[in-house]
Amino acid sequence: PCTPRTKKSRGYRAFMQGDQRRFFVPCPHCGHRQRMEHKQVVWPQDVPPMQAAEQARYRCASEPCGALWTDQERVAAIHAARHLPDYGWIPTAEPMERGITSFQFSKLANPHVTLSAYVSKWLRSQQSKELLRGFIQNWMGECWEAESIEITEAALATCRAGYSLSDPKPETVSCIAEWTHREGKEVESQKF
């Protein structure tokens, strides 16, 4: 897949083996080249969601600048990056093998996606984990970090607290977790 779904997915492993190129754009105010990231998108918090999305801006990541870009300035920055010798794609790691290139792309760097559409989608994604996962994977181009619960002996001790010593005692307790996703199934087991 073109977007790594999880850190255990084939797509993520392939991305990590490459030179991990990311799209950098120059600030239209100060020229600082930066990767377009979700944390730089700002909108008013004290207005209804539709108005907030319409007032969204992209904040320059350079500390001294911090200029708030309009959508037109963001699109101009995207087009400016495409005219640079590296076309805006900067390797951020050494590949595991020479010649392997890999890319990460956010919809923030898509000139056909407005900041208003981006923020609207983000605000709607807050309604459920499924919507949030879709936004992180498909709009931010990042991996979904699923919450997990670590099973410890102490946690198991609370589960068996109601049983008396006269109850039959198994030699081991097995805990098995299974996840199904596009790349297949993952199974994890632990014995106590």
N, C-alpha and C. Protein backbone atom coordinates (compact mmCIF):
# COMPACT_ATOMS: atom_id res chain seq x y z
N PRO A 1 0.83 -1.20 0.00
CA PRO A 1 0.00 0.00 0.00
C PRO A 1 0.86 1.25 0.00
N CYS A 2 0.33 2.33 -0.52
CA CYS A 2 1.12 3.55 -0.60
C CYS A 2 1.20 4.26 0.74
N THR A 3 0.23 4.09 1.61
CA THR A 3 0.27 4.69 2.94
C THR A 3 0.43 3.57 3.96
N PRO A 4 1.51 3.61 4.75
CA PRO A 4 1.66 2.59 5.79
C PRO A 4 0.49 2.66 6.76
N ARG A 5 -0.19 1.55 6.99
CA ARG A 5 -1.36 1.54 7.86
C ARG A 5 -0.99 1.48 9.33
N THR A 6 -0.06 0.60 9.68
CA THR A 6 0.41 0.47 11.05
C THR A 6 1.91 0.27 11.00
N LYS A 7 2.56 0.35 12.14
CA LYS A 7 4.01 0.17 12.17
C LYS A 7 4.40 -1.29 11.95
N LYS A 8 3.43 -2.19 11.96
CA LYS A 8 3.72 -3.60 11.69
C LYS A 8 3.44 -3.96 10.24
N SER A 9 2.92 -3.02 9.47
CA SER A 9 2.52 -3.31 8.08
C SER A 9 3.73 -3.39 7.15
N ARG A 10 3.53 -4.09 6.04
CA ARG A 10 4.58 -4.17 5.00
C ARG A 10 4.94 -2.79 4.48
N GLY A 11 3.92 -1.93 4.28
CA GLY A 11 4.16 -0.59 3.76
C GLY A 11 5.08 0.22 4.66
N TYR A 12 4.87 0.12 5.96
CA TYR A 12 5.71 0.87 6.90
C TYR A 12 7.14 0.32 6.89
N ARG A 13 7.25 -1.00 6.90
CA ARG A 13 8.60 -1.59 6.88
C ARG A 13 9.35 -1.19 5.61
N ALA A 14 8.64 -1.18 4.47
CA ALA A 14 9.27 -0.77 3.21
C ALA A 14 9.67 0.70 3.27
N PHE A 15 8.82 1.55 3.84
CA PHE A 15 9.14 2.97 3.98
C PHE A 15 10.40 3.16 4.83
N MET A 16 10.50 2.42 5.93
CA MET A 16 11.65 2.55 6.83
C MET A 16 12.94 2.03 6.19
N GLN A 17 12.86 1.12 5.24
CA GLN A 17 14.06 0.62 4.57
C GLN A 17 14.60 1.61 3.56
N GLY A 18 13.75 2.52 3.10
CA GLY A 18 14.17 3.50 2.11
C GLY A 18 14.75 4.76 2.74
N ASP A 19 14.93 5.79 1.91
CA ASP A 19 15.53 7.04 2.41
C ASP A 19 14.51 8.00 3.01
N GLN A 20 13.25 7.57 3.12
CA GLN A 20 12.18 8.29 3.82
C GLN A 20 12.06 9.74 3.37
N ARG A 21 11.82 9.93 2.09
CA ARG A 21 11.67 11.29 1.56
C ARG A 21 10.33 11.88 1.99
N ARG A 22 10.41 13.14 2.34
CA ARG A 22 9.22 13.88 2.73
C ARG A 22 9.19 15.17 1.93
N PHE A 23 8.00 15.67 1.70
CA PHE A 23 7.82 16.85 0.86
C PHE A 23 7.99 18.12 1.69
N PHE A 24 8.98 18.94 1.34
CA PHE A 24 9.27 20.19 2.04
C PHE A 24 8.94 21.37 1.13
N VAL A 25 8.34 22.38 1.71
CA VAL A 25 7.98 23.58 0.94
C VAL A 25 8.65 24.80 1.58
N PRO A 26 8.95 25.84 0.77
CA PRO A 26 9.51 27.07 1.34
C PRO A 26 8.40 27.99 1.84
N CYS A 27 8.62 28.61 2.98
CA CYS A 27 7.65 29.57 3.50
C CYS A 27 7.58 30.76 2.55
N PRO A 28 6.39 31.21 2.18
CA PRO A 28 6.28 32.35 1.28
C PRO A 28 6.72 33.67 1.93
N HIS A 29 6.93 33.66 3.25
CA HIS A 29 7.32 34.88 3.96
C HIS A 29 8.82 34.92 4.28
N CYS A 30 9.37 33.79 4.75
CA CYS A 30 10.78 33.80 5.17
C CYS A 30 11.66 32.85 4.35
N GLY A 31 11.06 31.97 3.55
CA GLY A 31 11.83 31.05 2.72
C GLY A 31 12.25 29.77 3.42
N HIS A 32 12.01 29.64 4.73
CA HIS A 32 12.40 28.43 5.48
C HIS A 32 11.69 27.20 4.90
N ARG A 33 12.48 26.17 4.55
CA ARG A 33 11.90 24.93 4.01
C ARG A 33 11.43 24.06 5.16
N GLN A 34 10.21 23.55 5.01
CA GLN A 34 9.61 22.78 6.08
C GLN A 34 8.68 21.72 5.54
N ARG A 35 8.58 20.66 6.31
CA ARG A 35 7.63 19.59 6.00
C ARG A 35 6.26 20.07 6.47
N MET A 36 5.25 19.90 5.66
CA MET A 36 3.91 20.33 6.04
C MET A 36 3.30 19.31 6.99
N GLU A 37 3.07 19.74 8.24
CA GLU A 37 2.59 18.84 9.27
C GLU A 37 1.29 19.33 9.88
N HIS A 38 0.51 18.39 10.35
CA HIS A 38 -0.79 18.67 10.96
C HIS A 38 -0.67 19.66 12.13
N LYS A 39 0.38 19.51 12.93
CA LYS A 39 0.51 20.37 14.12
C LYS A 39 0.66 21.85 13.77
N GLN A 40 0.95 22.17 12.50
CA GLN A 40 1.10 23.57 12.09
C GLN A 40 -0.20 24.18 11.58
N VAL A 41 -1.24 23.38 11.48
CA VAL A 41 -2.54 23.90 11.04
C VAL A 41 -3.26 24.49 12.25
N VAL A 42 -3.72 25.73 12.13
CA VAL A 42 -4.40 26.40 13.23
C VAL A 42 -5.76 26.91 12.77
N TRP A 43 -6.70 26.98 13.71
CA TRP A 43 -8.03 27.51 13.44
C TRP A 43 -8.60 27.99 14.77
N PRO A 44 -9.55 28.93 14.74
CA PRO A 44 -10.13 29.43 15.98
C PRO A 44 -10.92 28.33 16.70
N GLN A 45 -10.76 28.27 18.00
CA GLN A 45 -11.43 27.23 18.80
C GLN A 45 -12.77 27.69 19.35
N ASP A 46 -13.03 28.99 19.30
CA ASP A 46 -14.22 29.55 19.95
C ASP A 46 -15.37 29.85 18.98
N VAL A 47 -15.35 29.23 17.81
CA VAL A 47 -16.42 29.44 16.83
C VAL A 47 -16.95 28.09 16.38
N PRO A 48 -18.14 28.05 15.77
CA PRO A 48 -18.67 26.77 15.28
C PRO A 48 -17.71 26.11 14.27
N PRO A 49 -17.74 24.78 14.20
CA PRO A 49 -16.79 24.05 13.34
C PRO A 49 -16.71 24.54 11.90
N MET A 50 -17.82 24.85 11.27
CA MET A 50 -17.80 25.29 9.87
C MET A 50 -17.03 26.61 9.73
N GLN A 51 -17.27 27.53 10.64
CA GLN A 51 -16.55 28.81 10.61
C GLN A 51 -15.07 28.60 10.92
N ALA A 52 -14.79 27.72 11.87
CA ALA A 52 -13.40 27.43 12.23
C ALA A 52 -12.64 26.90 11.02
N ALA A 53 -13.25 25.97 10.29
CA ALA A 53 -12.60 25.38 9.11
C ALA A 53 -12.33 26.46 8.06
N GLU A 54 -13.29 27.36 7.87
CA GLU A 54 -13.13 28.42 6.87
C GLU A 54 -12.02 29.41 7.25
N GLN A 55 -11.72 29.51 8.54
CA GLN A 55 -10.70 30.46 9.00
C GLN A 55 -9.35 29.78 9.24
N ALA A 56 -9.21 28.54 8.84
CA ALA A 56 -7.96 27.78 9.07
C ALA A 56 -6.79 28.41 8.33
N ARG A 57 -5.62 28.34 8.94
CA ARG A 57 -4.38 28.83 8.36
C ARG A 57 -3.28 27.82 8.65
N TYR A 58 -2.20 27.93 7.89
CA TYR A 58 -1.02 27.09 8.13
C TYR A 58 0.06 27.99 8.71
N ARG A 59 0.60 27.61 9.88
CA ARG A 59 1.61 28.43 10.55
C ARG A 59 3.01 27.97 10.15
N CYS A 60 3.85 28.91 9.72
CA CYS A 60 5.25 28.60 9.38
C CYS A 60 5.92 27.96 10.59
N ALA A 61 6.67 26.90 10.36
CA ALA A 61 7.34 26.18 11.44
C ALA A 61 8.58 26.88 11.94
N SER A 62 9.04 27.91 11.24
CA SER A 62 10.23 28.64 11.67
C SER A 62 9.86 29.55 12.85
N GLU A 63 10.56 29.38 13.97
CA GLU A 63 10.29 30.16 15.19
C GLU A 63 10.27 31.67 14.94
N PRO A 64 11.30 32.23 14.31
CA PRO A 64 11.26 33.68 14.16
C PRO A 64 10.16 34.18 13.24
N CYS A 65 9.70 33.35 12.32
CA CYS A 65 8.69 33.78 11.36
C CYS A 65 7.28 33.53 11.90
N GLY A 66 6.85 32.29 11.92
CA GLY A 66 5.53 31.94 12.43
C GLY A 66 4.37 32.55 11.65
N ALA A 67 4.62 32.98 10.42
CA ALA A 67 3.57 33.60 9.61
C ALA A 67 2.41 32.64 9.39
N LEU A 68 1.21 33.17 9.34
CA LEU A 68 0.02 32.38 9.05
C LEU A 68 -0.26 32.46 7.56
N TRP A 69 -0.16 31.32 6.88
CA TRP A 69 -0.35 31.29 5.44
C TRP A 69 -1.83 31.15 5.11
N THR A 70 -2.25 31.83 4.09
CA THR A 70 -3.57 31.61 3.53
C THR A 70 -3.49 30.36 2.65
N ASP A 71 -4.64 29.90 2.19
CA ASP A 71 -4.64 28.76 1.27
C ASP A 71 -3.87 29.08 0.00
N GLN A 72 -4.02 30.31 -0.49
CA GLN A 72 -3.32 30.70 -1.71
C GLN A 72 -1.80 30.66 -1.50
N GLU A 73 -1.34 31.10 -0.33
CA GLU A 73 0.10 31.06 -0.03
C GLU A 73 0.59 29.62 0.12
N ARG A 74 -0.23 28.76 0.73
CA ARG A 74 0.15 27.34 0.87
C ARG A 74 0.29 26.70 -0.51
N VAL A 75 -0.65 26.94 -1.39
CA VAL A 75 -0.59 26.38 -2.74
C VAL A 75 0.62 26.95 -3.50
N ALA A 76 0.89 28.24 -3.32
CA ALA A 76 2.08 28.84 -3.96
C ALA A 76 3.36 28.19 -3.44
N ALA A 77 3.40 27.87 -2.15
CA ALA A 77 4.58 27.21 -1.57
C ALA A 77 4.76 25.80 -2.16
N ILE A 78 3.65 25.10 -2.36
CA ILE A 78 3.69 23.76 -2.96
C ILE A 78 4.26 23.85 -4.38
N HIS A 79 3.76 24.81 -5.15
CA HIS A 79 4.25 24.98 -6.53
C HIS A 79 5.70 25.43 -6.54
N ALA A 80 6.10 26.26 -5.59
CA ALA A 80 7.49 26.71 -5.51
C ALA A 80 8.43 25.53 -5.24
N ALA A 81 8.00 24.60 -4.38
CA ALA A 81 8.83 23.44 -4.06
C ALA A 81 9.04 22.57 -5.28
N ARG A 82 8.05 22.49 -6.14
CA ARG A 82 8.15 21.65 -7.33
C ARG A 82 9.17 22.19 -8.34
N HIS A 83 9.57 23.44 -8.18
CA HIS A 83 10.56 24.03 -9.09
C HIS A 83 11.99 23.97 -8.52
N LEU A 84 12.15 23.41 -7.33
CA LEU A 84 13.47 23.26 -6.74
C LEU A 84 14.16 22.04 -7.36
N PRO A 85 15.50 21.97 -7.28
CA PRO A 85 16.22 20.84 -7.89
C PRO A 85 15.75 19.47 -7.39
N ASP A 86 15.34 19.37 -6.11
CA ASP A 86 14.88 18.09 -5.56
C ASP A 86 13.36 17.94 -5.66
N TYR A 87 12.70 18.89 -6.32
CA TYR A 87 11.24 18.90 -6.49
C TYR A 87 10.51 18.91 -5.15
N GLY A 88 11.17 19.32 -4.08
CA GLY A 88 10.57 19.37 -2.76
C GLY A 88 10.77 18.12 -1.93
N TRP A 89 11.26 17.03 -2.55
CA TRP A 89 11.41 15.75 -1.85
C TRP A 89 12.80 15.65 -1.23
N ILE A 90 12.87 15.66 0.09
CA ILE A 90 14.15 15.61 0.80
C ILE A 90 14.26 14.30 1.58
N PRO A 91 15.35 13.53 1.35
CA PRO A 91 15.55 12.31 2.14
C PRO A 91 15.78 12.68 3.61
N THR A 92 15.14 11.95 4.52
CA THR A 92 15.30 12.23 5.94
C THR A 92 16.01 11.09 6.69
N ALA A 93 16.49 10.08 5.96
CA ALA A 93 17.20 8.96 6.57
C ALA A 93 18.11 8.31 5.54
N GLU A 94 19.06 7.54 6.03
CA GLU A 94 19.91 6.74 5.16
C GLU A 94 19.17 5.45 4.84
N PRO A 95 19.08 5.07 3.55
CA PRO A 95 18.38 3.82 3.23
C PRO A 95 19.17 2.61 3.72
N MET A 96 18.46 1.53 4.02
CA MET A 96 19.12 0.31 4.48
C MET A 96 19.98 -0.30 3.39
N GLU A 97 19.54 -0.12 2.14
CA GLU A 97 20.32 -0.55 0.99
C GLU A 97 20.40 0.62 0.03
N ARG A 98 21.53 0.75 -0.62
CA ARG A 98 21.74 1.85 -1.55
C ARG A 98 20.68 1.84 -2.65
N GLY A 99 20.14 3.02 -2.93
CA GLY A 99 19.20 3.16 -4.03
C GLY A 99 17.73 2.97 -3.69
N ILE A 100 17.40 2.68 -2.43
CA ILE A 100 15.99 2.50 -2.07
C ILE A 100 15.41 3.85 -1.68
N THR A 101 14.40 4.29 -2.41
CA THR A 101 13.71 5.53 -2.08
C THR A 101 12.32 5.21 -1.56
N SER A 102 11.87 6.00 -0.61
CA SER A 102 10.51 5.84 -0.08
C SER A 102 9.96 7.24 0.19
N PHE A 103 8.65 7.37 0.15
CA PHE A 103 8.02 8.68 0.22
C PHE A 103 6.88 8.70 1.24
N GLN A 104 6.69 9.84 1.89
CA GLN A 104 5.55 10.09 2.78
C GLN A 104 4.91 11.37 2.31
N PHE A 105 3.60 11.38 2.21
CA PHE A 105 2.91 12.54 1.66
C PHE A 105 1.63 12.82 2.44
N SER A 106 1.42 14.06 2.82
CA SER A 106 0.22 14.49 3.52
C SER A 106 -0.67 15.26 2.54
N LYS A 107 -1.96 15.21 2.76
CA LYS A 107 -2.87 15.98 1.90
C LYS A 107 -2.69 17.48 2.09
N LEU A 108 -1.97 17.89 3.12
CA LEU A 108 -1.65 19.31 3.28
C LEU A 108 -0.80 19.79 2.10
N ALA A 109 -0.06 18.89 1.49
CA ALA A 109 0.81 19.26 0.38
C ALA A 109 0.12 19.03 -0.98
N ASN A 110 -1.16 18.79 -0.95
CA ASN A 110 -1.93 18.61 -2.18
C ASN A 110 -2.60 19.95 -2.51
N PRO A 111 -2.26 20.57 -3.62
CA PRO A 111 -2.84 21.88 -3.93
C PRO A 111 -4.35 21.84 -4.20
N HIS A 112 -4.91 20.66 -4.40
CA HIS A 112 -6.34 20.53 -4.68
C HIS A 112 -7.17 20.33 -3.41
N VAL A 113 -6.52 20.21 -2.26
CA VAL A 113 -7.22 20.07 -0.98
C VAL A 113 -7.07 21.38 -0.23
N THR A 114 -8.18 22.01 0.10
CA THR A 114 -8.13 23.29 0.82
C THR A 114 -7.92 23.06 2.31
N LEU A 115 -7.42 24.07 2.98
CA LEU A 115 -7.28 24.00 4.44
C LEU A 115 -8.65 23.83 5.08
N SER A 116 -9.65 24.46 4.52
CA SER A 116 -11.01 24.34 5.04
C SER A 116 -11.48 22.88 4.98
N ALA A 117 -11.25 22.23 3.85
CA ALA A 117 -11.63 20.81 3.72
C ALA A 117 -10.84 19.94 4.68
N TYR A 118 -9.56 20.24 4.83
CA TYR A 118 -8.69 19.48 5.73
C TYR A 118 -9.19 19.58 7.17
N VAL A 119 -9.44 20.81 7.63
CA VAL A 119 -9.88 21.01 9.02
C VAL A 119 -11.29 20.45 9.22
N SER A 120 -12.18 20.60 8.25
CA SER A 120 -13.52 20.02 8.36
C SER A 120 -13.43 18.51 8.56
N LYS A 121 -12.59 17.88 7.75
CA LYS A 121 -12.41 16.42 7.85
C LYS A 121 -11.83 16.05 9.22
N TRP A 122 -10.87 16.84 9.71
CA TRP A 122 -10.27 16.60 11.03
C TRP A 122 -11.33 16.71 12.13
N LEU A 123 -12.11 17.75 12.09
CA LEU A 123 -13.13 17.95 13.13
C LEU A 123 -14.17 16.82 13.11
N ARG A 124 -14.57 16.37 11.92
CA ARG A 124 -15.50 15.24 11.82
C ARG A 124 -14.85 13.95 12.32
N SER A 125 -13.55 13.81 12.12
CA SER A 125 -12.87 12.58 12.53
C SER A 125 -12.83 12.40 14.04
N GLN A 126 -13.12 13.44 14.78
CA GLN A 126 -13.10 13.36 16.24
C GLN A 126 -14.31 12.61 16.79
N GLN A 127 -15.25 12.25 15.93
CA GLN A 127 -16.48 11.58 16.36
C GLN A 127 -16.28 10.10 16.68
N SER A 128 -15.29 9.46 16.07
CA SER A 128 -15.06 8.04 16.34
C SER A 128 -13.61 7.66 16.05
N LYS A 129 -13.19 6.55 16.64
CA LYS A 129 -11.83 6.06 16.41
C LYS A 129 -11.64 5.63 14.96
N GLU A 130 -12.68 5.06 14.35
CA GLU A 130 -12.58 4.64 12.94
C GLU A 130 -12.36 5.84 12.03
N LEU A 131 -13.11 6.92 12.26
CA LEU A 131 -12.93 8.13 11.44
C LEU A 131 -11.56 8.75 11.68
N LEU A 132 -11.12 8.75 12.94
CA LEU A 132 -9.80 9.30 13.27
C LEU A 132 -8.69 8.48 12.62
N ARG A 133 -8.83 7.17 12.67
CA ARG A 133 -7.83 6.29 12.03
C ARG A 133 -7.75 6.58 10.54
N GLY A 134 -8.91 6.72 9.90
CA GLY A 134 -8.94 7.03 8.47
C GLY A 134 -8.29 8.36 8.16
N PHE A 135 -8.51 9.35 9.00
CA PHE A 135 -7.91 10.67 8.78
C PHE A 135 -6.38 10.59 8.92
N ILE A 136 -5.92 9.96 9.98
CA ILE A 136 -4.47 9.87 10.22
C ILE A 136 -3.79 9.13 9.07
N GLN A 137 -4.38 8.04 8.62
CA GLN A 137 -3.76 7.25 7.56
C GLN A 137 -3.89 7.91 6.19
N ASN A 138 -5.08 8.40 5.86
CA ASN A 138 -5.33 8.86 4.50
C ASN A 138 -5.11 10.35 4.28
N TRP A 139 -5.28 11.16 5.29
CA TRP A 139 -5.10 12.60 5.12
C TRP A 139 -3.74 13.07 5.62
N MET A 140 -3.29 12.52 6.75
CA MET A 140 -1.97 12.90 7.27
C MET A 140 -0.86 12.04 6.66
N GLY A 141 -1.22 10.88 6.13
CA GLY A 141 -0.22 9.97 5.56
C GLY A 141 0.67 9.35 6.62
N GLU A 142 0.13 9.17 7.81
CA GLU A 142 0.88 8.63 8.94
C GLU A 142 0.31 7.27 9.34
N CYS A 143 1.05 6.56 10.18
CA CYS A 143 0.59 5.27 10.70
C CYS A 143 -0.39 5.48 11.85
N TRP A 144 -1.34 4.60 11.93
CA TRP A 144 -2.27 4.59 13.04
C TRP A 144 -1.62 3.86 14.21
N GLU A 145 -1.58 4.52 15.34
CA GLU A 145 -1.04 3.91 16.56
C GLU A 145 -2.22 3.46 17.41
N ALA A 146 -2.58 2.21 17.30
CA ALA A 146 -3.72 1.69 18.05
C ALA A 146 -3.37 1.59 19.53
N GLU A 147 -4.38 1.83 20.35
CA GLU A 147 -4.19 1.66 21.79
C GLU A 147 -4.06 0.17 22.08
N SER A 148 -3.21 -0.14 23.01
CA SER A 148 -3.08 -1.55 23.39
C SER A 148 -3.06 -1.65 24.90
N ILE A 149 -3.43 -2.81 25.36
CA ILE A 149 -3.43 -3.06 26.80
C ILE A 149 -2.36 -4.10 27.08
N GLU A 150 -1.48 -3.78 27.99
CA GLU A 150 -0.43 -4.73 28.34
C GLU A 150 -0.95 -5.67 29.43
N ILE A 151 -0.80 -6.95 29.20
CA ILE A 151 -1.25 -7.93 30.17
C ILE A 151 -0.07 -8.26 31.09
N THR A 152 -0.26 -8.01 32.36
CA THR A 152 0.80 -8.27 33.34
C THR A 152 0.31 -9.31 34.35
N GLU A 153 1.23 -9.83 35.10
CA GLU A 153 0.86 -10.79 36.14
C GLU A 153 -0.05 -10.14 37.17
N ALA A 154 0.22 -8.87 37.49
CA ALA A 154 -0.62 -8.16 38.47
C ALA A 154 -2.06 -8.04 37.97
N ALA A 155 -2.22 -7.75 36.66
CA ALA A 155 -3.56 -7.64 36.09
C ALA A 155 -4.27 -8.99 36.15
N LEU A 156 -3.55 -10.05 35.84
CA LEU A 156 -4.15 -11.38 35.92
C LEU A 156 -4.50 -11.75 37.35
N ALA A 157 -3.68 -11.29 38.30
CA ALA A 157 -3.95 -11.59 39.71
C ALA A 157 -5.28 -11.00 40.13
N THR A 158 -5.64 -9.84 39.64
CA THR A 158 -6.94 -9.25 39.99
C THR A 158 -8.08 -10.06 39.38
N CYS A 159 -7.85 -10.67 38.22
CA CYS A 159 -8.89 -11.49 37.59
C CYS A 159 -9.13 -12.79 38.36
N ARG A 160 -8.09 -13.35 38.92
CA ARG A 160 -8.25 -14.63 39.61
C ARG A 160 -8.47 -14.45 41.11
N ALA A 161 -8.60 -13.21 41.57
CA ALA A 161 -8.74 -12.94 43.00
C ALA A 161 -9.95 -13.64 43.61
N GLY A 162 -11.03 -13.86 42.83
CA GLY A 162 -12.24 -14.47 43.36
C GLY A 162 -12.19 -15.98 43.48
N TYR A 163 -11.15 -16.61 43.01
CA TYR A 163 -11.07 -18.07 43.05
C TYR A 163 -10.34 -18.52 44.31
N SER A 164 -10.83 -19.61 44.88
CA SER A 164 -10.16 -20.12 46.08
C SER A 164 -9.05 -21.08 45.68
N LEU A 165 -8.19 -21.38 46.61
CA LEU A 165 -7.08 -22.30 46.35
C LEU A 165 -7.57 -23.71 46.07
N SER A 166 -8.80 -24.02 46.46
CA SER A 166 -9.32 -25.36 46.21
C SER A 166 -9.80 -25.54 44.77
N ASP A 167 -9.93 -24.42 44.03
CA ASP A 167 -10.32 -24.51 42.62
C ASP A 167 -9.22 -25.20 41.84
N PRO A 168 -9.60 -25.91 40.76
CA PRO A 168 -8.57 -26.54 39.93
C PRO A 168 -7.59 -25.47 39.43
N LYS A 169 -6.32 -25.79 39.47
CA LYS A 169 -5.29 -24.81 39.11
C LYS A 169 -4.61 -25.24 37.80
N PRO A 170 -4.81 -24.48 36.72
CA PRO A 170 -4.12 -24.86 35.47
C PRO A 170 -2.62 -24.58 35.59
N GLU A 171 -1.85 -25.30 34.80
CA GLU A 171 -0.40 -25.08 34.78
C GLU A 171 -0.06 -23.71 34.25
N THR A 172 -0.73 -23.28 33.19
CA THR A 172 -0.48 -21.96 32.62
C THR A 172 -1.79 -21.34 32.16
N VAL A 173 -1.78 -20.04 32.04
CA VAL A 173 -2.91 -19.30 31.49
C VAL A 173 -2.43 -18.70 30.18
N SER A 174 -3.15 -18.91 29.12
CA SER A 174 -2.78 -18.35 27.82
C SER A 174 -3.72 -17.21 27.47
N CYS A 175 -3.14 -16.11 27.05
CA CYS A 175 -3.91 -14.98 26.55
C CYS A 175 -3.56 -14.81 25.08
N ILE A 176 -4.57 -14.76 24.24
CA ILE A 176 -4.34 -14.62 22.81
C ILE A 176 -5.13 -13.43 22.29
N ALA A 177 -4.47 -12.59 21.51
CA ALA A 177 -5.13 -11.45 20.87
C ALA A 177 -4.94 -11.58 19.37
N GLU A 178 -5.99 -11.27 18.62
CA GLU A 178 -5.92 -11.38 17.16
C GLU A 178 -6.46 -10.10 16.54
N TRP A 179 -5.76 -9.59 15.52
CA TRP A 179 -6.18 -8.42 14.78
C TRP A 179 -6.27 -8.80 13.31
N THR A 180 -7.29 -8.33 12.65
CA THR A 180 -7.43 -8.56 11.21
C THR A 180 -7.40 -7.21 10.52
N HIS A 181 -6.57 -7.07 9.51
CA HIS A 181 -6.47 -5.83 8.75
C HIS A 181 -6.14 -6.18 7.31
N ARG A 182 -5.97 -5.18 6.47
CA ARG A 182 -5.77 -5.41 5.03
C ARG A 182 -4.56 -6.28 4.71
N GLU A 183 -3.51 -6.18 5.51
CA GLU A 183 -2.31 -6.95 5.23
C GLU A 183 -2.42 -8.40 5.72
N GLY A 184 -3.49 -8.74 6.41
CA GLY A 184 -3.67 -10.09 6.92
C GLY A 184 -4.00 -10.07 8.39
N LYS A 185 -3.71 -11.20 9.05
CA LYS A 185 -3.99 -11.31 10.48
C LYS A 185 -2.69 -11.25 11.27
N GLU A 186 -2.81 -10.69 12.47
CA GLU A 186 -1.70 -10.72 13.42
C GLU A 186 -2.20 -11.38 14.68
N VAL A 187 -1.44 -12.30 15.19
CA VAL A 187 -1.82 -12.99 16.41
C VAL A 187 -0.68 -12.85 17.42
N GLU A 188 -1.05 -12.53 18.63
CA GLU A 188 -0.05 -12.40 19.69
C GLU A 188 -0.52 -13.26 20.86
N SER A 189 0.36 -14.04 21.42
CA SER A 189 -0.04 -14.85 22.58
C SER A 189 1.01 -14.72 23.66
N GLN A 190 0.54 -14.87 24.88
CA GLN A 190 1.44 -14.80 26.03
C GLN A 190 0.97 -15.81 27.05
N LYS A 191 1.90 -16.56 27.63
CA LYS A 191 1.54 -17.56 28.64
C LYS A 191 2.06 -17.10 30.00
N PHE A 192 1.26 -17.41 31.03
CA PHE A 192 1.64 -17.08 32.41
C PHE A 192 1.61 -18.34 33.24
